[in-house]
C-alpha atoms as a PDB file:
ATOM      1  CA  UNK A   1     209.271 120.755 112.953  1.00  0.00           C
ATOM      2  CA  UNK A   2     207.764 123.876 114.537  1.00  0.00           C
ATOM      3  CA  UNK A   3     209.698 125.308 117.446  1.00  0.00           C
ATOM      4  CA  UNK A   4     208.017 124.807 120.865  1.00  0.00           C
ATOM      5  CA  UNK A   5     207.647 128.537 121.507  1.00  0.00           C
ATOM      6  CA  UNK A   6     205.887 129.005 118.172  1.00  0.00           C
ATOM      7  CA  UNK A   7     203.396 126.225 118.953  1.00  0.00           C
ATOM      8  CA  UNK A   8     202.738 127.733 122.388  1.00  0.00           C
ATOM      9  CA  UNK A   9     202.244 131.190 120.870  1.00  0.00           C
ATOM     10  CA  UNK A  10     199.815 129.803 118.287  1.00  0.00           C
ATOM     11  CA  UNK A  11     197.826 127.984 120.979  1.00  0.00           C
ATOM     12  CA  UNK A  12     197.658 131.136 123.113  1.00  0.00           C
ATOM     13  CA  UNK A  13     196.434 133.191 120.161  1.00  0.00           C
ATOM     14  CA  UNK A  14     193.749 130.608 119.378  1.00  0.00           C
ATOM     15  CA  UNK A  15     192.547 130.597 122.979  1.00  0.00           C
ATOM     16  CA  UNK A  16     192.422 134.396 122.958  1.00  0.00           C
ATOM     17  CA  UNK A  17     190.280 134.387 119.809  1.00  0.00           C
ATOM     18  CA  UNK A  18     187.901 131.836 121.287  1.00  0.00           C
ATOM     19  CA  UNK A  19     187.603 133.822 124.500  1.00  0.00           C
ATOM     20  CA  UNK A  20     186.936 137.049 122.585  1.00  0.00           C
ATOM     21  CA  UNK A  21     184.234 135.290 120.559  1.00  0.00           C
ATOM     22  CA  UNK A  22     182.595 133.962 123.732  1.00  0.00           C
ATOM     23  CA  UNK A  23     182.725 137.186 125.735  1.00  0.00           C
ATOM     24  CA  UNK A  24     182.242 139.792 122.994  1.00  0.00           C
ATOM     25  CA  UNK A  25     178.609 140.335 124.011  1.00  0.00           C
ATOM     26  CA  UNK A  26     179.778 141.669 127.386  1.00  0.00           C
ATOM     27  CA  UNK A  27     181.966 144.420 126.028  1.00  0.00           C
ATOM     28  CA  UNK A  28     180.598 145.274 122.576  1.00  0.00           C
ATOM     29  CA  UNK A  29     177.509 147.475 123.176  1.00  0.00           C
ATOM     30  CA  UNK A  30     175.916 146.689 119.799  1.00  0.00           C
ATOM     31  CA  UNK A  31     175.609 143.033 120.759  1.00  0.00           C
ATOM     32  CA  UNK A  32     174.048 143.612 124.177  1.00  0.00           C
ATOM     33  CA  UNK A  33     170.449 143.104 123.051  1.00  0.00           C
ATOM     34  CA  UNK A  34     167.706 142.916 125.614  1.00  0.00           C
ATOM     35  CA  UNK A  35     163.928 143.178 125.979  1.00  0.00           C
ATOM     36  CA  UNK A  36     162.478 146.524 124.913  1.00  0.00           C
ATOM     37  CA  UNK A  37     159.130 148.115 125.712  1.00  0.00           C
ATOM     38  CA  UNK A  38     158.699 149.297 122.122  1.00  0.00           C
ATOM     39  CA  UNK A  39     160.987 147.263 119.810  1.00  0.00           C
ATOM     40  CA  UNK A  40     159.185 148.216 116.588  1.00  0.00           C
ATOM     41  CA  UNK A  41     159.487 151.629 114.875  1.00  0.00           C
ATOM     42  CA  UNK A  42     156.949 154.178 116.050  1.00  0.00           C
ATOM     43  CA  UNK A  43     156.831 155.664 112.553  1.00  0.00           C
ATOM     44  CA  UNK A  44     154.370 153.586 110.503  1.00  0.00           C
ATOM     45  CA  UNK A  45     156.188 154.651 107.332  1.00  0.00           C
ATOM     46  CA  UNK A  46     159.391 152.961 108.479  1.00  0.00           C
ATOM     47  CA  UNK A  47     160.122 149.501 107.121  1.00  0.00           C
ATOM     48  CA  UNK A  48     159.791 147.222 110.166  1.00  0.00           C
ATOM     49  CA  UNK A  49     161.637 144.439 108.354  1.00  0.00           C
ATOM     50  CA  UNK A  50     164.812 146.416 109.002  1.00  0.00           C
ATOM     51  CA  UNK A  51     164.463 146.185 112.781  1.00  0.00           C
ATOM     52  CA  UNK A  52     167.644 144.527 114.116  1.00  0.00           C
ATOM     53  CA  UNK A  53     166.994 141.302 115.930  1.00  0.00           C
ATOM     54  CA  UNK A  54     163.379 140.830 114.822  1.00  0.00           C
ATOM     55  CA  UNK A  55     164.002 137.235 113.763  1.00  0.00           C
ATOM     56  CA  UNK A  56     160.380 136.311 114.462  1.00  0.00           C
ATOM     57  CA  UNK A  57     158.974 138.993 112.142  1.00  0.00           C
ATOM     58  CA  UNK A  58     156.757 140.470 114.851  1.00  0.00           C
ATOM     59  CA  UNK A  59     157.380 144.000 113.589  1.00  0.00           C
ATOM     60  CA  UNK A  60     156.570 143.320 109.945  1.00  0.00           C
ATOM     61  CA  UNK A  61     152.791 143.727 110.190  1.00  0.00           C
ATOM     62  CA  UNK A  62     152.352 145.352 113.604  1.00  0.00           C
ATOM     63  CA  UNK A  63     151.708 148.848 112.245  1.00  0.00           C
ATOM     64  CA  UNK A  64     149.165 147.635 109.699  1.00  0.00           C
ATOM     65  CA  UNK A  65     147.405 145.577 112.361  1.00  0.00           C
ATOM     66  CA  UNK A  66     147.041 148.729 114.460  1.00  0.00           C
ATOM     67  CA  UNK A  67     145.776 150.687 111.461  1.00  0.00           C
ATOM     68  CA  UNK A  68     143.127 148.066 110.631  1.00  0.00           C
ATOM     69  CA  UNK A  69     141.881 147.967 114.202  1.00  0.00           C
ATOM     70  CA  UNK A  70     141.848 151.768 114.533  1.00  0.00           C
ATOM     71  CA  UNK A  71     139.904 152.174 111.279  1.00  0.00           C
ATOM     72  CA  UNK A  72     137.499 149.373 112.141  1.00  0.00           C
ATOM     73  CA  UNK A  73     138.300 147.400 108.989  1.00  0.00           C
ATOM     74  CA  UNK A  74     136.326 144.152 108.915  1.00  0.00           C
ATOM     75  CA  UNK A  75     138.723 141.301 108.148  1.00  0.00           C
ATOM     76  CA  UNK A  76     137.212 138.264 106.493  1.00  0.00           C
ATOM     77  CA  UNK A  77     140.421 136.336 105.792  1.00  0.00           C
ATOM     78  CA  UNK A  78     144.012 136.495 107.014  1.00  0.00           C
ATOM     79  CA  UNK A  79     146.672 134.779 104.921  1.00  0.00           C
ATOM     80  CA  UNK A  80     149.418 133.663 107.309  1.00  0.00           C
ATOM     81  CA  UNK A  81     152.603 132.304 105.798  1.00  0.00           C
ATOM     82  CA  UNK A  82     156.013 132.695 104.231  1.00  0.00           C
ATOM     83  CA  UNK A  83     157.304 134.407 101.069  1.00  0.00           C
ATOM     84  CA  UNK A  84     154.751 132.618  98.886  1.00  0.00           C
ATOM     85  CA  UNK A  85     152.086 134.594 100.761  1.00  0.00           C
ATOM     86  CA  UNK A  86     154.161 137.778 101.149  1.00  0.00           C
ATOM     87  CA  UNK A  87     154.844 137.931  97.407  1.00  0.00           C
ATOM     88  CA  UNK A  88     151.130 138.130  96.659  1.00  0.00           C
ATOM     89  CA  UNK A  89     150.985 141.478  98.473  1.00  0.00           C
ATOM     90  CA  UNK A  90     153.657 142.861  96.172  1.00  0.00           C
ATOM     91  CA  UNK A  91     151.923 141.653  93.005  1.00  0.00           C
ATOM     92  CA  UNK A  92     148.347 142.635  93.949  1.00  0.00           C
ATOM     93  CA  UNK A  93     148.466 145.157  96.823  1.00  0.00           C
ATOM     94  CA  UNK A  94     144.873 146.297  96.244  1.00  0.00           C
ATOM     95  CA  UNK A  95     143.584 142.814  97.074  1.00  0.00           C
ATOM     96  CA  UNK A  96     144.757 143.205 100.670  1.00  0.00           C
ATOM     97  CA  UNK A  97     143.418 146.644 101.572  1.00  0.00           C
ATOM     98  CA  UNK A  98     139.940 145.487 102.561  1.00  0.00           C
ATOM     99  CA  UNK A  99     138.494 142.183 103.728  1.00  0.00           C
ATOM    100  CA  UNK A 100     141.675 140.189 103.077  1.00  0.00           C
ATOM    101  CA  UNK A 101     144.833 140.781 105.121  1.00  0.00           C
ATOM    102  CA  UNK A 102     148.212 139.499 103.945  1.00  0.00           C
ATOM    103  CA  UNK A 103     150.432 138.403 106.807  1.00  0.00           C
ATOM    104  CA  UNK A 104     153.263 136.697 104.960  1.00  0.00           C
ATOM    105  CA  UNK A 105     156.887 137.119 106.062  1.00  0.00           C
ATOM    106  CA  UNK A 106     159.819 136.190 103.840  1.00  0.00           C
ATOM    107  CA  UNK A 107     161.899 133.229 104.937  1.00  0.00           C
ATOM    108  CA  UNK A 108     159.644 131.993 107.718  1.00  0.00           C
ATOM    109  CA  UNK A 109     159.133 128.361 108.642  1.00  0.00           C
ATOM    110  CA  UNK A 110     156.153 126.862 110.466  1.00  0.00           C
ATOM    111  CA  UNK A 111     157.579 127.536 113.939  1.00  0.00           C
ATOM    112  CA  UNK A 112     157.746 131.265 113.222  1.00  0.00           C
ATOM    113  CA  UNK A 113     154.020 131.496 112.569  1.00  0.00           C
ATOM    114  CA  UNK A 114     153.153 130.461 116.129  1.00  0.00           C
ATOM    115  CA  UNK A 115     154.348 133.627 117.949  1.00  0.00           C
ATOM    116  CA  UNK A 116     152.737 135.777 115.237  1.00  0.00           C
ATOM    117  CA  UNK A 117     149.357 134.059 115.504  1.00  0.00           C
ATOM    118  CA  UNK A 118     147.878 136.257 118.218  1.00  0.00           C
ATOM    119  CA  UNK A 119     148.842 139.680 116.883  1.00  0.00           C
ATOM    120  CA  UNK A 120     148.632 138.946 113.149  1.00  0.00           C
ATOM    121  CA  UNK A 121     145.506 136.760 113.123  1.00  0.00           C
ATOM    122  CA  UNK A 122     143.513 136.504 116.350  1.00  0.00           C
ATOM    123  CA  UNK A 123     143.655 140.241 117.117  1.00  0.00           C
ATOM    124  CA  UNK A 124     142.080 141.030 113.729  1.00  0.00           C
ATOM    125  CA  UNK A 125     139.058 138.813 114.504  1.00  0.00           C
ATOM    126  CA  UNK A 126     138.759 137.342 111.005  1.00  0.00           C
ATOM    127  CA  UNK A 127     136.231 134.797 109.869  1.00  0.00           C
ATOM    128  CA  UNK A 128     139.023 132.550 108.578  1.00  0.00           C
ATOM    129  CA  UNK A 129     142.791 132.122 108.394  1.00  0.00           C
ATOM    130  CA  UNK A 130     144.715 130.501 105.565  1.00  0.00           C
ATOM    131  CA  UNK A 131     147.901 128.792 106.761  1.00  0.00           C
ATOM    132  CA  UNK A 132     150.624 128.400 104.140  1.00  0.00           C
ATOM    133  CA  UNK A 133     154.086 127.279 105.231  1.00  0.00           C
ATOM    134  CA  UNK A 134     156.530 124.412 104.838  1.00  0.00           C
ATOM    135  CA  UNK A 135     158.995 125.158 102.064  1.00  0.00           C
ATOM    136  CA  UNK A 136     161.423 126.811 104.476  1.00  0.00           C
ATOM    137  CA  UNK A 137     161.028 123.861 106.851  1.00  0.00           C
ATOM    138  CA  UNK A 138     162.156 121.537 104.051  1.00  0.00           C
ATOM    139  CA  UNK A 139     165.366 123.461 103.434  1.00  0.00           C
ATOM    140  CA  UNK A 140     165.971 124.035 107.177  1.00  0.00           C
ATOM    141  CA  UNK A 141     166.018 127.768 106.585  1.00  0.00           C
ATOM    142  CA  UNK A 142     165.452 128.391 110.295  1.00  0.00           C
ATOM    143  CA  UNK A 143     166.796 125.141 111.705  1.00  0.00           C
ATOM    144  CA  UNK A 144     166.469 121.418 111.074  1.00  0.00           C
ATOM    145  CA  UNK A 145     163.000 120.003 111.703  1.00  0.00           C
ATOM    146  CA  UNK A 146     161.336 116.603 111.258  1.00  0.00           C
ATOM    147  CA  UNK A 147     158.113 116.136 109.255  1.00  0.00           C
ATOM    148  CA  UNK A 148     156.251 115.188 112.444  1.00  0.00           C
ATOM    149  CA  UNK A 149     157.412 118.397 114.141  1.00  0.00           C
ATOM    150  CA  UNK A 150     156.327 120.454 111.132  1.00  0.00           C
ATOM    151  CA  UNK A 151     152.882 118.865 111.235  1.00  0.00           C
ATOM    152  CA  UNK A 152     152.678 119.499 114.999  1.00  0.00           C
ATOM    153  CA  UNK A 153     153.344 123.204 114.397  1.00  0.00           C
ATOM    154  CA  UNK A 154     150.603 123.370 111.775  1.00  0.00           C
ATOM    155  CA  UNK A 155     148.125 121.563 114.014  1.00  0.00           C
ATOM    156  CA  UNK A 156     148.976 123.891 116.896  1.00  0.00           C
ATOM    157  CA  UNK A 157     148.077 126.825 114.645  1.00  0.00           C
ATOM    158  CA  UNK A 158     144.787 125.077 113.846  1.00  0.00           C
ATOM    159  CA  UNK A 159     144.102 124.618 117.566  1.00  0.00           C
ATOM    160  CA  UNK A 160     144.786 128.296 118.302  1.00  0.00           C
ATOM    161  CA  UNK A 161     142.490 129.469 115.503  1.00  0.00           C
ATOM    162  CA  UNK A 162     139.627 127.139 116.323  1.00  0.00           C
ATOM    163  CA  UNK A 163     139.808 128.040 120.023  1.00  0.00           C
ATOM    164  CA  UNK A 164     138.938 131.595 118.939  1.00  0.00           C
ATOM    165  CA  UNK A 165     136.160 130.536 116.576  1.00  0.00           C
ATOM    166  CA  UNK A 166     138.264 131.199 113.466  1.00  0.00           C
ATOM    167  CA  UNK A 167     137.779 128.859 110.499  1.00  0.00           C
ATOM    168  CA  UNK A 168     140.947 127.324 109.055  1.00  0.00           C
ATOM    169  CA  UNK A 169     142.079 126.816 105.473  1.00  0.00           C
ATOM    170  CA  UNK A 170     145.217 124.763 104.879  1.00  0.00           C
ATOM    171  CA  UNK A 171     147.264 125.492 101.763  1.00  0.00           C
ATOM    172  CA  UNK A 172     149.265 122.745 100.093  1.00  0.00           C
ATOM    173  CA  UNK A 173     152.875 123.443  99.150  1.00  0.00           C
ATOM    174  CA  UNK A 174     153.547 124.310  95.506  1.00  0.00           C
ATOM    175  CA  UNK A 175     155.954 122.090  93.637  1.00  0.00           C
ATOM    176  CA  UNK A 176     159.495 123.442  93.492  1.00  0.00           C
ATOM    177  CA  UNK A 177     161.466 123.215  90.281  1.00  0.00           C
ATOM    178  CA  UNK A 178     164.416 124.282  92.412  1.00  0.00           C
ATOM    179  CA  UNK A 179     165.241 126.250  95.535  1.00  0.00           C
ATOM    180  CA  UNK A 180     167.284 129.320  94.526  1.00  0.00           C
ATOM    181  CA  UNK A 181     169.228 129.231  97.806  1.00  0.00           C
ATOM    182  CA  UNK A 182     169.586 125.421  97.886  1.00  0.00           C
ATOM    183  CA  UNK A 183     170.056 124.359  94.252  1.00  0.00           C
ATOM    184  CA  UNK A 184     171.402 120.889  95.130  1.00  0.00           C
ATOM    185  CA  UNK A 185     168.383 119.866  97.214  1.00  0.00           C
ATOM    186  CA  UNK A 186     165.795 117.630  95.534  1.00  0.00           C
ATOM    187  CA  UNK A 187     162.794 118.920  97.446  1.00  0.00           C
ATOM    188  CA  UNK A 188     159.922 117.327  95.553  1.00  0.00           C
ATOM    189  CA  UNK A 189     159.764 114.085  97.596  1.00  0.00           C
ATOM    190  CA  UNK A 190     159.452 116.110 100.799  1.00  0.00           C
ATOM    191  CA  UNK A 191     156.843 118.394  99.229  1.00  0.00           C
ATOM    192  CA  UNK A 192     154.783 115.368  98.210  1.00  0.00           C
ATOM    193  CA  UNK A 193     155.140 113.895 101.707  1.00  0.00           C
ATOM    194  CA  UNK A 194     154.078 117.080 103.507  1.00  0.00           C
ATOM    195  CA  UNK A 195     151.185 117.674 101.127  1.00  0.00           C
ATOM    196  CA  UNK A 196     149.864 114.186 101.805  1.00  0.00           C
ATOM    197  CA  UNK A 197     150.057 114.918 105.530  1.00  0.00           C
ATOM    198  CA  UNK A 198     148.338 118.294 105.112  1.00  0.00           C
ATOM    199  CA  UNK A 199     145.500 116.705 103.142  1.00  0.00           C
ATOM    200  CA  UNK A 200     145.096 114.042 105.815  1.00  0.00           C
ATOM    201  CA  UNK A 201     145.096 116.713 108.549  1.00  0.00           C
ATOM    202  CA  UNK A 202     142.428 118.681 106.677  1.00  0.00           C
ATOM    203  CA  UNK A 203     140.312 115.527 106.312  1.00  0.00           C
ATOM    204  CA  UNK A 204     140.733 114.509 109.947  1.00  0.00           C
ATOM    205  CA  UNK A 205     139.952 117.963 111.365  1.00  0.00           C
ATOM    206  CA  UNK A 206     137.281 118.899 108.813  1.00  0.00           C
ATOM    207  CA  UNK A 207     139.274 121.855 107.427  1.00  0.00           C
ATOM    208  CA  UNK A 208     138.998 123.567 104.073  1.00  0.00           C
ATOM    209  CA  UNK A 209     141.900 122.985 101.694  1.00  0.00           C
ATOM    210  CA  UNK A 210     143.359 125.449  99.182  1.00  0.00           C
ATOM    211  CA  UNK A 211     145.353 123.360  96.733  1.00  0.00           C
ATOM    212  CA  UNK A 212     148.220 125.693  95.792  1.00  0.00           C
ATOM    213  CA  UNK A 213     150.085 122.699  94.375  1.00  0.00           C
ATOM    214  CA  UNK A 214     147.428 121.978  91.756  1.00  0.00           C
ATOM    215  CA  UNK A 215     146.842 125.651  90.941  1.00  0.00           C
ATOM    216  CA  UNK A 216     150.524 126.225  90.163  1.00  0.00           C
ATOM    217  CA  UNK A 217     151.194 122.909  88.420  1.00  0.00           C
ATOM    218  CA  UNK A 218     151.383 124.322  84.878  1.00  0.00           C
ATOM    219  CA  UNK A 219     154.829 125.411  83.627  1.00  0.00           C
ATOM    220  CA  UNK A 220     155.759 129.073  83.521  1.00  0.00           C
ATOM    221  CA  UNK A 221     153.892 130.090  86.682  1.00  0.00           C
ATOM    222  CA  UNK A 222     156.958 130.674  88.857  1.00  0.00           C
ATOM    223  CA  UNK A 223     159.555 133.381  88.397  1.00  0.00           C
ATOM    224  CA  UNK A 224     162.475 131.530  89.986  1.00  0.00           C
ATOM    225  CA  UNK A 225     161.324 127.944  90.005  1.00  0.00           C
ATOM    226  CA  UNK A 226     159.590 128.560  93.338  1.00  0.00           C
ATOM    227  CA  UNK A 227     157.668 131.843  93.764  1.00  0.00           C
ATOM    228  CA  UNK A 228     154.519 132.457  91.690  1.00  0.00           C
ATOM    229  CA  UNK A 229     154.382 134.893  88.811  1.00  0.00           C
ATOM    230  CA  UNK A 230     151.584 137.466  88.579  1.00  0.00           C
ATOM    231  CA  UNK A 231     149.613 134.916  86.561  1.00  0.00           C
ATOM    232  CA  UNK A 232     150.329 132.305  89.223  1.00  0.00           C
ATOM    233  CA  UNK A 233     148.821 134.515  91.912  1.00  0.00           C
ATOM    234  CA  UNK A 234     145.794 135.209  89.715  1.00  0.00           C
ATOM    235  CA  UNK A 235     145.247 131.446  89.558  1.00  0.00           C
ATOM    236  CA  UNK A 236     145.504 131.164  93.328  1.00  0.00           C
ATOM    237  CA  UNK A 237     142.743 133.723  93.948  1.00  0.00           C
ATOM    238  CA  UNK A 238     139.746 131.540  92.928  1.00  0.00           C
ATOM    239  CA  UNK A 239     141.268 128.572  94.789  1.00  0.00           C
ATOM    240  CA  UNK A 240     141.345 130.610  98.002  1.00  0.00           C
ATOM    241  CA  UNK A 241     137.892 132.060  97.361  1.00  0.00           C
ATOM    242  CA  UNK A 242     136.448 128.573  96.869  1.00  0.00           C
ATOM    243  CA  UNK A 243     138.024 127.351 100.116  1.00  0.00           C
ATOM    244  CA  UNK A 244     136.702 130.446 101.914  1.00  0.00           C
ATOM    245  CA  UNK A 245     133.209 129.698 100.638  1.00  0.00           C
ATOM    246  CA  UNK A 246     133.577 126.163 101.976  1.00  0.00           C
ATOM    247  CA  UNK A 247     134.252 127.498 105.476  1.00  0.00           C
ATOM    248  CA  UNK A 248     130.858 129.225 105.441  1.00  0.00           C
ATOM    249  CA  UNK A 249     128.893 126.071 104.665  1.00  0.00           C
ATOM    250  CA  UNK A 250     127.039 124.542 107.547  1.00  0.00           C
ATOM    251  CA  UNK A 251     128.423 121.098 108.522  1.00  0.00           C
ATOM    252  CA  UNK A 252     126.239 118.142 107.571  1.00  0.00           C
END
């Protein structure tokens, strides 16, 4: 049996650790974050993804947004999404120097697209926006979320775009052979469920649909069981172009 003084000492030490954890933000300067007038790097050459505390990814594309607006680049389509979108920029950077703007951010779920909508989409005054997100919602990468809440986030993005006269393209979720960071999760049932809901949303709201799921269905088109290969992205291009053409057709 432990001696009483040892138990008391252990309890006191535990309380001290808990108190230090709770109050560390008051006495450790590095943890005293607060609002800043200019939180993103002033140097456009700096990598804004390294900005501490930018969990929403607001700094990732801010410099390029400013460049496009300053140069008067006419933006026809903005691709707003997660790493599936961001990876396309790395594979085919030349595709996103003109009329198309890539606004993907690694690891983002649907809720993280909402605060980026104004600066990364609306401010560029595009003809259309492609919305591609959901895989990180399935694996709760940024917090647990219900399918209905995911769909509400997507429809809120649709509302924001249409209020500004921006046409909307919804992208289905590609099938996942596996999630590299969540290898024990069987994600396909959720992917099928969300894709059915996205198709129904597109039908109900009269939106164009870019079927990423069908375009990437063949084997060998994903480098890690999830993200497209260069050939996978080449197959996505005509799917997006067809959906973009659909947004320009006059309604019956």
